[in-house]
């Protein structure tokens, strides 16, 4: 059973644990024209089915960084593509093996803006702003699953890896936003703010 709701108490508690990342960064509806969907996974199978399209969106966005003027961003994009593509392959295999009746989520709504027409600083800034919120969602989904428990230790390990890895990347992206664009995540009150 899928449970989808914007649960402020849960979001505030989890976002608060991200050390300096704001809840407003999760509220992509202001940038994307619709309400953000807060997924609270109800099972290991649902987590896998919903994390696959979430990762696929991140991979597509990260591939756009091949056009970045910054070598650091190009390398960052390559790392995301490599890591999350391997995780997608693994999650698909687990779904096929353990949950053959569980289809991948086909109702996934993108969280990130279209980057295909952006260049230079606009590309890097938009990617970082959107990917912070995108990563925060993956951390929340993973933490929810870890809290409720998994059936297979392999999925528990993956959820912990996604949570840890993407928290580190959120901190790094926040540093780049501050250093390159004078933007900072401002806790629960303002999303991205000029410094």
N, C-alpha and C. Protein backbone atom coordinates (compact mmCIF):
# COMPACT_ATOMS: atom_id res chain seq x y z
N UNK A 1 0.84 -1.19 0.00
CA UNK A 1 0.00 0.00 0.00
C UNK A 1 0.88 1.24 0.00
N UNK A 2 0.55 2.20 -0.84
CA UNK A 2 1.33 3.43 -0.90
C UNK A 2 0.69 4.49 -0.03
N UNK A 3 1.52 5.14 0.72
CA UNK A 3 1.03 6.24 1.55
C UNK A 3 1.79 7.48 1.13
N UNK A 4 1.08 8.48 0.62
CA UNK A 4 1.72 9.70 0.17
C UNK A 4 1.05 10.88 0.87
N UNK A 5 1.84 11.60 1.60
CA UNK A 5 1.30 12.79 2.26
C UNK A 5 2.43 13.72 2.62
N UNK A 6 2.16 14.99 2.62
CA UNK A 6 3.12 15.96 3.10
C UNK A 6 2.93 16.06 4.60
N UNK A 7 3.80 15.41 5.33
CA UNK A 7 3.67 15.34 6.77
C UNK A 7 4.72 16.28 7.36
N UNK A 8 4.29 17.44 7.77
CA UNK A 8 5.20 18.48 8.21
C UNK A 8 6.05 18.05 9.39
N UNK A 9 5.47 17.38 10.34
CA UNK A 9 6.24 16.98 11.52
C UNK A 9 7.38 16.05 11.13
N UNK A 10 7.10 15.08 10.28
CA UNK A 10 8.14 14.17 9.83
C UNK A 10 9.18 14.91 9.02
N UNK A 11 8.73 15.76 8.11
CA UNK A 11 9.66 16.49 7.27
C UNK A 11 10.56 17.39 8.09
N UNK A 12 9.99 18.09 9.05
CA UNK A 12 10.80 18.97 9.88
C UNK A 12 11.83 18.19 10.68
N UNK A 13 11.41 17.08 11.24
CA UNK A 13 12.34 16.28 12.02
C UNK A 13 13.46 15.72 11.20
N UNK A 14 13.15 15.20 10.02
CA UNK A 14 14.18 14.63 9.18
C UNK A 14 15.04 15.71 8.56
N UNK A 15 14.43 16.79 8.09
CA UNK A 15 15.22 17.85 7.47
C UNK A 15 16.13 18.50 8.50
N UNK A 16 15.68 18.59 9.72
CA UNK A 16 16.53 19.15 10.77
C UNK A 16 17.80 18.36 10.98
N UNK A 17 17.73 17.08 10.69
CA UNK A 17 18.91 16.23 10.84
C UNK A 17 19.88 16.34 9.69
N UNK A 18 19.58 17.18 8.70
CA UNK A 18 20.47 17.29 7.55
C UNK A 18 21.50 18.40 7.71
N UNK A 19 21.60 18.98 8.88
CA UNK A 19 22.66 19.92 9.18
C UNK A 19 22.72 21.08 8.19
N UNK A 20 21.82 22.04 8.37
CA UNK A 20 21.89 23.25 7.59
C UNK A 20 21.06 23.25 6.32
N UNK A 21 20.39 22.19 6.01
CA UNK A 21 19.56 22.14 4.81
C UNK A 21 18.13 22.44 5.21
N UNK A 22 17.46 23.29 4.44
CA UNK A 22 16.15 23.76 4.85
C UNK A 22 14.99 22.98 4.29
N UNK A 23 13.91 22.98 5.05
CA UNK A 23 12.69 22.31 4.61
C UNK A 23 12.14 22.97 3.36
N UNK A 24 12.33 24.26 3.20
CA UNK A 24 11.83 24.91 1.99
C UNK A 24 12.54 24.42 0.75
N UNK A 25 13.75 23.88 0.90
CA UNK A 25 14.43 23.31 -0.25
C UNK A 25 13.67 22.11 -0.77
N UNK A 26 12.88 21.47 0.08
CA UNK A 26 12.08 20.32 -0.33
C UNK A 26 10.82 20.74 -1.05
N UNK A 27 10.41 21.96 -0.86
CA UNK A 27 9.12 22.40 -1.39
C UNK A 27 9.27 22.90 -2.82
N UNK A 28 9.50 21.96 -3.68
CA UNK A 28 9.73 22.30 -5.08
C UNK A 28 8.50 22.86 -5.76
N UNK A 29 7.35 22.80 -5.11
CA UNK A 29 6.15 23.30 -5.76
C UNK A 29 6.27 24.77 -6.09
N UNK A 30 7.06 25.52 -5.34
CA UNK A 30 7.22 26.94 -5.63
C UNK A 30 7.98 27.15 -6.93
N UNK A 31 8.87 26.21 -7.25
CA UNK A 31 9.66 26.34 -8.47
C UNK A 31 9.04 25.59 -9.62
N UNK A 32 8.24 24.59 -9.36
CA UNK A 32 7.80 23.69 -10.41
C UNK A 32 6.30 23.71 -10.65
N UNK A 33 5.58 24.54 -9.96
CA UNK A 33 4.20 24.75 -10.29
C UNK A 33 3.20 23.73 -9.80
N UNK A 34 3.54 22.94 -8.81
CA UNK A 34 2.58 21.98 -8.30
C UNK A 34 3.00 21.51 -6.94
N UNK A 35 2.12 20.86 -6.22
CA UNK A 35 2.47 20.41 -4.89
C UNK A 35 3.50 19.30 -4.93
N UNK A 36 4.47 19.39 -4.02
CA UNK A 36 5.46 18.34 -3.93
C UNK A 36 4.82 17.11 -3.30
N UNK A 37 5.20 15.99 -3.79
CA UNK A 37 4.69 14.73 -3.31
C UNK A 37 5.67 14.18 -2.29
N UNK A 38 5.25 14.03 -1.06
CA UNK A 38 6.10 13.48 -0.02
C UNK A 38 5.78 12.01 0.09
N UNK A 39 6.72 11.19 -0.30
CA UNK A 39 6.48 9.75 -0.30
C UNK A 39 6.91 9.16 1.03
N UNK A 40 6.00 8.52 1.68
CA UNK A 40 6.33 7.76 2.88
C UNK A 40 6.17 6.30 2.50
N UNK A 41 7.29 5.64 2.25
CA UNK A 41 7.23 4.27 1.77
C UNK A 41 6.66 3.37 2.86
N UNK A 42 5.84 2.43 2.42
CA UNK A 42 5.17 1.57 3.38
C UNK A 42 5.75 0.16 3.41
N UNK A 43 6.70 -0.12 2.52
CA UNK A 43 7.30 -1.44 2.49
C UNK A 43 8.60 -1.39 1.74
N UNK A 44 9.37 -2.43 1.88
CA UNK A 44 10.62 -2.56 1.14
C UNK A 44 10.35 -2.55 -0.37
N UNK A 45 9.32 -3.27 -0.80
CA UNK A 45 8.99 -3.33 -2.23
C UNK A 45 8.63 -1.95 -2.76
N UNK A 46 7.85 -1.19 -2.00
CA UNK A 46 7.46 0.15 -2.42
C UNK A 46 8.68 1.06 -2.50
N UNK A 47 9.57 0.95 -1.52
CA UNK A 47 10.80 1.74 -1.52
C UNK A 47 11.58 1.50 -2.82
N UNK A 48 11.77 0.25 -3.17
CA UNK A 48 12.52 -0.07 -4.39
C UNK A 48 11.79 0.46 -5.63
N UNK A 49 10.49 0.26 -5.69
CA UNK A 49 9.71 0.68 -6.85
C UNK A 49 9.71 2.19 -7.02
N UNK A 50 9.75 2.93 -5.92
CA UNK A 50 9.71 4.38 -5.99
C UNK A 50 11.10 5.00 -6.09
N UNK A 51 12.12 4.33 -5.55
CA UNK A 51 13.47 4.88 -5.62
C UNK A 51 14.05 4.76 -7.03
N UNK A 52 13.62 3.78 -7.79
CA UNK A 52 14.15 3.62 -9.15
C UNK A 52 13.87 4.86 -10.02
N UNK A 53 12.62 5.31 -10.18
CA UNK A 53 12.42 6.51 -11.00
C UNK A 53 13.02 7.77 -10.38
N UNK A 54 13.09 7.80 -9.05
CA UNK A 54 13.73 8.93 -8.38
C UNK A 54 15.21 8.99 -8.79
N UNK A 55 15.89 7.87 -8.74
CA UNK A 55 17.29 7.79 -9.17
C UNK A 55 17.42 8.10 -10.66
N UNK A 56 16.49 7.60 -11.46
CA UNK A 56 16.57 7.84 -12.91
C UNK A 56 16.53 9.33 -13.22
N UNK A 57 15.71 10.08 -12.49
CA UNK A 57 15.67 11.53 -12.70
C UNK A 57 17.00 12.16 -12.33
N UNK A 58 17.60 11.72 -11.23
CA UNK A 58 18.90 12.25 -10.82
C UNK A 58 19.97 11.95 -11.87
N UNK A 59 19.94 10.76 -12.43
CA UNK A 59 20.92 10.39 -13.46
C UNK A 59 20.75 11.28 -14.69
N UNK A 60 19.52 11.47 -15.14
CA UNK A 60 19.28 12.33 -16.31
C UNK A 60 19.79 13.74 -16.06
N UNK A 61 19.52 14.28 -14.88
CA UNK A 61 19.97 15.63 -14.56
C UNK A 61 21.49 15.69 -14.49
N UNK A 62 22.10 14.70 -13.86
CA UNK A 62 23.56 14.68 -13.70
C UNK A 62 24.27 14.55 -15.04
N UNK A 63 23.64 13.88 -15.99
CA UNK A 63 24.23 13.76 -17.33
C UNK A 63 24.36 15.13 -18.00
N UNK A 64 23.47 16.05 -17.66
CA UNK A 64 23.54 17.41 -18.22
C UNK A 64 24.80 18.15 -17.77
N UNK A 65 25.39 17.73 -16.67
CA UNK A 65 26.59 18.40 -16.17
C UNK A 65 27.82 18.16 -17.04
N UNK A 66 27.72 17.28 -18.01
CA UNK A 66 28.82 17.11 -18.97
C UNK A 66 29.11 18.44 -19.68
N UNK A 67 28.11 19.35 -19.70
CA UNK A 67 28.26 20.67 -20.34
C UNK A 67 28.70 21.75 -19.37
N UNK A 68 28.92 21.42 -18.11
CA UNK A 68 29.30 22.43 -17.12
C UNK A 68 30.67 23.00 -17.43
N UNK A 69 30.84 24.30 -17.18
CA UNK A 69 32.18 24.89 -17.35
C UNK A 69 33.14 24.51 -16.21
N UNK A 70 32.62 23.91 -15.15
CA UNK A 70 33.44 23.57 -13.99
C UNK A 70 33.78 22.08 -14.01
N UNK A 71 35.06 21.76 -14.00
CA UNK A 71 35.51 20.36 -13.96
C UNK A 71 34.95 19.67 -12.73
N UNK A 72 34.87 20.38 -11.62
CA UNK A 72 34.34 19.81 -10.38
C UNK A 72 32.90 19.33 -10.57
N UNK A 73 32.10 20.13 -11.26
CA UNK A 73 30.70 19.74 -11.50
C UNK A 73 30.61 18.60 -12.50
N UNK A 74 31.46 18.61 -13.52
CA UNK A 74 31.44 17.50 -14.47
C UNK A 74 31.78 16.18 -13.75
N UNK A 75 32.78 16.21 -12.89
CA UNK A 75 33.15 15.02 -12.12
C UNK A 75 32.04 14.60 -11.16
N UNK A 76 31.41 15.58 -10.52
CA UNK A 76 30.31 15.30 -9.61
C UNK A 76 29.17 14.61 -10.36
N UNK A 77 28.84 15.13 -11.54
CA UNK A 77 27.80 14.52 -12.36
C UNK A 77 28.15 13.09 -12.75
N UNK A 78 29.39 12.87 -13.13
CA UNK A 78 29.83 11.51 -13.49
C UNK A 78 29.69 10.56 -12.30
N UNK A 79 30.03 11.04 -11.11
CA UNK A 79 29.91 10.20 -9.91
C UNK A 79 28.46 9.81 -9.64
N UNK A 80 27.55 10.79 -9.77
CA UNK A 80 26.13 10.51 -9.55
C UNK A 80 25.64 9.49 -10.59
N UNK A 81 25.99 9.70 -11.85
CA UNK A 81 25.55 8.78 -12.90
C UNK A 81 26.05 7.37 -12.61
N UNK A 82 27.32 7.24 -12.29
CA UNK A 82 27.91 5.92 -12.05
C UNK A 82 27.27 5.24 -10.83
N UNK A 83 27.20 5.94 -9.72
CA UNK A 83 26.69 5.37 -8.48
C UNK A 83 25.21 5.01 -8.58
N UNK A 84 24.41 5.96 -9.04
CA UNK A 84 22.97 5.73 -9.04
C UNK A 84 22.53 4.79 -10.16
N UNK A 85 23.26 4.74 -11.26
CA UNK A 85 22.95 3.75 -12.30
C UNK A 85 23.16 2.34 -11.76
N UNK A 86 24.26 2.14 -11.05
CA UNK A 86 24.51 0.82 -10.45
C UNK A 86 23.44 0.46 -9.42
N UNK A 87 22.99 1.45 -8.65
CA UNK A 87 21.94 1.20 -7.66
C UNK A 87 20.61 0.87 -8.35
N UNK A 88 20.32 1.52 -9.46
CA UNK A 88 19.10 1.22 -10.22
C UNK A 88 19.12 -0.22 -10.69
N UNK A 89 20.24 -0.65 -11.26
CA UNK A 89 20.36 -2.03 -11.73
C UNK A 89 20.11 -3.01 -10.59
N UNK A 90 20.71 -2.72 -9.43
CA UNK A 90 20.54 -3.60 -8.28
C UNK A 90 19.09 -3.62 -7.79
N UNK A 91 18.48 -2.45 -7.69
CA UNK A 91 17.10 -2.40 -7.22
C UNK A 91 16.15 -3.12 -8.17
N UNK A 92 16.37 -2.97 -9.46
CA UNK A 92 15.53 -3.69 -10.43
C UNK A 92 15.67 -5.20 -10.27
N UNK A 93 16.89 -5.65 -10.03
CA UNK A 93 17.11 -7.08 -9.84
C UNK A 93 16.39 -7.57 -8.59
N UNK A 94 16.46 -6.81 -7.51
CA UNK A 94 15.76 -7.20 -6.28
C UNK A 94 14.26 -7.23 -6.48
N UNK A 95 13.73 -6.23 -7.17
CA UNK A 95 12.28 -6.23 -7.46
C UNK A 95 11.90 -7.49 -8.24
N UNK A 96 12.67 -7.79 -9.27
CA UNK A 96 12.36 -8.96 -10.10
C UNK A 96 12.46 -10.25 -9.28
N UNK A 97 13.48 -10.33 -8.45
CA UNK A 97 13.74 -11.55 -7.70
C UNK A 97 12.77 -11.74 -6.53
N UNK A 98 12.57 -10.70 -5.74
CA UNK A 98 11.82 -10.82 -4.49
C UNK A 98 10.36 -10.38 -4.60
N UNK A 99 10.08 -9.44 -5.50
CA UNK A 99 8.73 -8.85 -5.59
C UNK A 99 8.27 -8.79 -7.05
N UNK A 100 8.11 -9.93 -7.69
CA UNK A 100 7.77 -9.92 -9.12
C UNK A 100 6.43 -9.27 -9.44
N UNK A 101 5.56 -9.13 -8.45
CA UNK A 101 4.26 -8.49 -8.69
C UNK A 101 4.28 -6.99 -8.43
N UNK A 102 5.40 -6.47 -7.95
CA UNK A 102 5.53 -5.04 -7.65
C UNK A 102 6.13 -4.33 -8.86
N UNK A 103 5.33 -3.48 -9.51
CA UNK A 103 5.82 -2.73 -10.66
C UNK A 103 6.56 -1.48 -10.18
N UNK A 104 7.46 -1.00 -11.02
CA UNK A 104 8.10 0.28 -10.74
C UNK A 104 7.04 1.37 -10.77
N UNK A 105 7.28 2.43 -10.01
CA UNK A 105 6.33 3.54 -9.94
C UNK A 105 6.28 4.25 -11.29
N UNK A 106 5.13 4.22 -11.92
CA UNK A 106 4.97 4.90 -13.21
C UNK A 106 4.27 6.25 -13.05
N UNK A 107 3.94 6.62 -11.82
CA UNK A 107 3.27 7.90 -11.59
C UNK A 107 4.23 8.95 -11.06
N UNK A 108 5.53 8.66 -11.10
CA UNK A 108 6.53 9.58 -10.57
C UNK A 108 6.43 10.94 -11.25
N UNK A 109 6.41 11.99 -10.44
CA UNK A 109 6.39 13.36 -10.96
C UNK A 109 7.74 13.98 -10.73
N UNK A 110 8.36 14.52 -11.77
CA UNK A 110 9.70 15.09 -11.63
C UNK A 110 9.77 16.18 -10.57
N UNK A 111 10.88 16.20 -9.88
CA UNK A 111 11.14 17.22 -8.87
C UNK A 111 12.07 18.31 -9.40
N UNK A 112 12.77 18.03 -10.48
CA UNK A 112 13.80 18.94 -10.97
C UNK A 112 13.35 19.65 -12.24
N UNK A 113 13.88 20.84 -12.42
CA UNK A 113 13.59 21.60 -13.63
C UNK A 113 14.34 21.01 -14.83
N UNK A 114 13.88 21.35 -16.03
CA UNK A 114 14.54 20.93 -17.26
C UNK A 114 15.86 21.70 -17.39
N UNK A 115 16.96 20.97 -17.49
CA UNK A 115 18.28 21.60 -17.56
C UNK A 115 18.82 21.66 -18.99
N UNK A 116 18.10 21.11 -19.94
CA UNK A 116 18.66 20.93 -21.28
C UNK A 116 18.99 22.24 -21.99
N UNK A 117 18.32 23.32 -21.65
CA UNK A 117 18.57 24.60 -22.33
C UNK A 117 19.47 25.53 -21.53
N UNK A 118 19.92 25.08 -20.37
CA UNK A 118 20.75 25.93 -19.52
C UNK A 118 22.23 25.72 -19.82
N UNK A 119 22.99 26.78 -19.63
CA UNK A 119 24.44 26.75 -19.85
C UNK A 119 25.14 27.44 -18.69
N UNK A 120 26.43 27.17 -18.55
CA UNK A 120 27.29 27.91 -17.64
C UNK A 120 26.80 27.93 -16.21
N UNK A 121 26.88 29.11 -15.60
CA UNK A 121 26.47 29.26 -14.20
C UNK A 121 25.01 28.89 -13.98
N UNK A 122 24.15 29.22 -14.96
CA UNK A 122 22.73 28.91 -14.80
C UNK A 122 22.51 27.41 -14.67
N UNK A 123 23.25 26.63 -15.45
CA UNK A 123 23.16 25.18 -15.38
C UNK A 123 23.61 24.68 -14.01
N UNK A 124 24.78 25.12 -13.58
CA UNK A 124 25.32 24.65 -12.31
C UNK A 124 24.45 25.05 -11.13
N UNK A 125 24.02 26.30 -11.11
CA UNK A 125 23.21 26.81 -10.00
C UNK A 125 21.86 26.07 -9.92
N UNK A 126 21.19 25.94 -11.05
CA UNK A 126 19.89 25.28 -11.06
C UNK A 126 20.02 23.82 -10.66
N UNK A 127 21.04 23.14 -11.20
CA UNK A 127 21.26 21.74 -10.82
C UNK A 127 21.45 21.62 -9.31
N UNK A 128 22.31 22.44 -8.74
CA UNK A 128 22.60 22.35 -7.30
C UNK A 128 21.36 22.66 -6.48
N UNK A 129 20.63 23.71 -6.83
CA UNK A 129 19.43 24.06 -6.07
C UNK A 129 18.41 22.93 -6.10
N UNK A 130 18.19 22.38 -7.27
CA UNK A 130 17.18 21.33 -7.39
C UNK A 130 17.65 20.01 -6.79
N UNK A 131 18.94 19.69 -6.96
CA UNK A 131 19.43 18.40 -6.49
C UNK A 131 19.50 18.35 -4.96
N UNK A 132 19.67 19.48 -4.31
CA UNK A 132 19.64 19.47 -2.84
C UNK A 132 18.29 18.93 -2.37
N UNK A 133 17.20 19.49 -2.89
CA UNK A 133 15.86 19.01 -2.51
C UNK A 133 15.61 17.57 -2.95
N UNK A 134 16.10 17.23 -4.11
CA UNK A 134 15.94 15.87 -4.64
C UNK A 134 16.64 14.87 -3.72
N UNK A 135 17.86 15.18 -3.33
CA UNK A 135 18.60 14.32 -2.40
C UNK A 135 17.90 14.25 -1.04
N UNK A 136 17.38 15.38 -0.57
CA UNK A 136 16.70 15.37 0.72
C UNK A 136 15.52 14.40 0.71
N UNK A 137 14.81 14.33 -0.42
CA UNK A 137 13.69 13.40 -0.52
C UNK A 137 14.19 11.96 -0.43
N UNK A 138 15.29 11.65 -1.11
CA UNK A 138 15.84 10.29 -1.06
C UNK A 138 16.28 9.93 0.36
N UNK A 139 16.86 10.90 1.06
CA UNK A 139 17.27 10.67 2.45
C UNK A 139 16.04 10.39 3.31
N UNK A 140 14.98 11.17 3.13
CA UNK A 140 13.77 10.96 3.92
C UNK A 140 13.14 9.60 3.64
N UNK A 141 13.07 9.22 2.36
CA UNK A 141 12.52 7.93 2.01
C UNK A 141 13.34 6.81 2.65
N UNK A 142 14.67 6.95 2.58
CA UNK A 142 15.55 5.92 3.13
C UNK A 142 15.43 5.85 4.64
N UNK A 143 15.38 6.99 5.30
CA UNK A 143 15.26 7.01 6.76
C UNK A 143 13.93 6.42 7.20
N UNK A 144 12.89 6.69 6.46
CA UNK A 144 11.57 6.14 6.79
C UNK A 144 11.62 4.62 6.70
N UNK A 145 12.23 4.09 5.64
CA UNK A 145 12.34 2.64 5.50
C UNK A 145 13.19 2.04 6.61
N UNK A 146 14.31 2.68 6.92
CA UNK A 146 15.20 2.17 7.97
C UNK A 146 14.49 2.17 9.32
N UNK A 147 13.70 3.18 9.57
CA UNK A 147 12.98 3.26 10.84
C UNK A 147 11.94 2.14 10.95
N UNK A 148 11.24 1.87 9.84
CA UNK A 148 10.18 0.87 9.86
C UNK A 148 10.69 -0.55 9.67
N UNK A 149 11.90 -0.69 9.16
CA UNK A 149 12.50 -2.01 9.01
C UNK A 149 12.36 -2.58 7.62
N UNK A 150 13.33 -3.42 7.27
CA UNK A 150 13.36 -4.06 5.96
C UNK A 150 13.25 -5.57 6.13
N UNK A 151 12.97 -6.23 5.05
CA UNK A 151 12.91 -7.69 5.04
C UNK A 151 14.28 -8.28 4.72
N UNK A 152 15.01 -7.62 3.82
CA UNK A 152 16.30 -8.12 3.36
C UNK A 152 17.42 -7.19 3.83
N UNK A 153 18.47 -7.74 4.43
CA UNK A 153 19.58 -6.89 4.89
C UNK A 153 20.25 -6.12 3.77
N UNK A 154 20.20 -6.64 2.55
CA UNK A 154 20.80 -5.94 1.42
C UNK A 154 20.09 -4.61 1.16
N UNK A 155 18.78 -4.59 1.31
CA UNK A 155 18.03 -3.36 1.10
C UNK A 155 18.30 -2.39 2.24
N UNK A 156 18.40 -2.91 3.45
CA UNK A 156 18.77 -2.05 4.58
C UNK A 156 20.12 -1.39 4.33
N UNK A 157 21.08 -2.18 3.86
CA UNK A 157 22.41 -1.62 3.57
C UNK A 157 22.34 -0.55 2.49
N UNK A 158 21.55 -0.80 1.45
CA UNK A 158 21.42 0.18 0.38
C UNK A 158 20.77 1.46 0.88
N UNK A 159 19.70 1.34 1.65
CA UNK A 159 19.01 2.53 2.18
C UNK A 159 19.96 3.34 3.06
N UNK A 160 20.77 2.67 3.86
CA UNK A 160 21.73 3.38 4.70
C UNK A 160 22.80 4.06 3.84
N UNK A 161 23.25 3.36 2.81
CA UNK A 161 24.25 3.93 1.90
C UNK A 161 23.70 5.16 1.19
N UNK A 162 22.46 5.07 0.69
CA UNK A 162 21.85 6.23 0.02
C UNK A 162 21.72 7.39 0.99
N UNK A 163 21.25 7.13 2.19
CA UNK A 163 21.09 8.18 3.18
C UNK A 163 22.42 8.85 3.51
N UNK A 164 23.43 8.05 3.80
CA UNK A 164 24.74 8.61 4.18
C UNK A 164 25.40 9.36 3.02
N UNK A 165 25.39 8.74 1.86
CA UNK A 165 26.03 9.31 0.68
C UNK A 165 25.36 10.62 0.28
N UNK A 166 24.04 10.62 0.27
CA UNK A 166 23.35 11.81 -0.20
C UNK A 166 23.37 12.93 0.84
N UNK A 167 23.47 12.61 2.12
CA UNK A 167 23.67 13.66 3.12
C UNK A 167 25.01 14.36 2.89
N UNK A 168 26.05 13.56 2.62
CA UNK A 168 27.37 14.16 2.33
C UNK A 168 27.29 15.05 1.10
N UNK A 169 26.60 14.58 0.07
CA UNK A 169 26.49 15.36 -1.15
C UNK A 169 25.66 16.63 -0.94
N UNK A 170 24.65 16.58 -0.11
CA UNK A 170 23.87 17.78 0.21
C UNK A 170 24.78 18.83 0.85
N UNK A 171 25.60 18.40 1.78
CA UNK A 171 26.52 19.35 2.43
C UNK A 171 27.48 19.94 1.41
N UNK A 172 28.02 19.11 0.51
CA UNK A 172 28.94 19.60 -0.51
C UNK A 172 28.24 20.56 -1.46
N UNK A 173 27.04 20.21 -1.92
CA UNK A 173 26.32 21.10 -2.84
C UNK A 173 25.98 22.42 -2.16
N UNK A 174 25.66 22.38 -0.89
CA UNK A 174 25.37 23.62 -0.15
C UNK A 174 26.61 24.50 -0.07
N UNK A 175 27.78 23.89 0.12
CA UNK A 175 29.03 24.67 0.13
C UNK A 175 29.28 25.31 -1.23
N UNK A 176 29.05 24.56 -2.31
CA UNK A 176 29.25 25.13 -3.65
C UNK A 176 28.27 26.26 -3.91
N UNK A 177 27.02 26.10 -3.52
CA UNK A 177 26.05 27.17 -3.71
C UNK A 177 26.49 28.44 -3.00
N UNK A 178 27.04 28.29 -1.81
CA UNK A 178 27.51 29.45 -1.05
C UNK A 178 28.75 30.07 -1.70
N UNK A 179 29.71 29.24 -2.07
CA UNK A 179 30.99 29.74 -2.59
C UNK A 179 30.84 30.34 -3.99
N UNK A 180 30.07 29.73 -4.86
CA UNK A 180 29.99 30.16 -6.25
C UNK A 180 28.88 31.15 -6.53
N UNK A 181 27.79 31.07 -5.77
CA UNK A 181 26.61 31.87 -6.10
C UNK A 181 26.11 32.72 -4.94
N UNK A 182 26.80 32.66 -3.80
CA UNK A 182 26.38 33.46 -2.65
C UNK A 182 25.05 33.03 -2.08
N UNK A 183 24.67 31.77 -2.31
CA UNK A 183 23.42 31.24 -1.79
C UNK A 183 23.70 30.30 -0.64
N UNK A 184 22.81 30.29 0.31
CA UNK A 184 22.94 29.36 1.42
C UNK A 184 21.57 28.78 1.73
N UNK A 185 21.57 27.57 2.26
CA UNK A 185 20.32 27.01 2.75
C UNK A 185 20.08 27.64 4.10
N UNK A 186 18.85 28.04 4.32
CA UNK A 186 18.60 28.88 5.50
C UNK A 186 17.62 28.24 6.47
N UNK A 187 17.83 26.99 6.76
CA UNK A 187 16.96 26.35 7.74
C UNK A 187 15.55 26.21 7.21
N UNK A 188 14.58 26.31 8.11
CA UNK A 188 13.20 26.04 7.74
C UNK A 188 12.50 27.25 7.14
N UNK A 189 13.17 28.38 7.06
CA UNK A 189 12.40 29.60 6.79
C UNK A 189 12.50 30.16 5.40
N UNK A 190 13.58 29.89 4.67
CA UNK A 190 13.65 30.61 3.42
C UNK A 190 14.24 29.88 2.25
N UNK A 191 14.49 28.62 2.32
CA UNK A 191 15.07 27.94 1.18
C UNK A 191 16.45 28.50 0.88
N UNK A 192 16.70 28.84 -0.39
CA UNK A 192 17.97 29.42 -0.79
C UNK A 192 17.92 30.91 -0.58
N UNK A 193 18.89 31.45 0.12
CA UNK A 193 18.94 32.87 0.40
C UNK A 193 20.30 33.42 -0.01
N UNK A 194 20.35 34.66 -0.52
CA UNK A 194 21.65 35.29 -0.77
C UNK A 194 22.38 35.46 0.55
N UNK A 195 23.70 35.35 0.50
CA UNK A 195 24.47 35.55 1.73
C UNK A 195 24.70 37.02 1.96
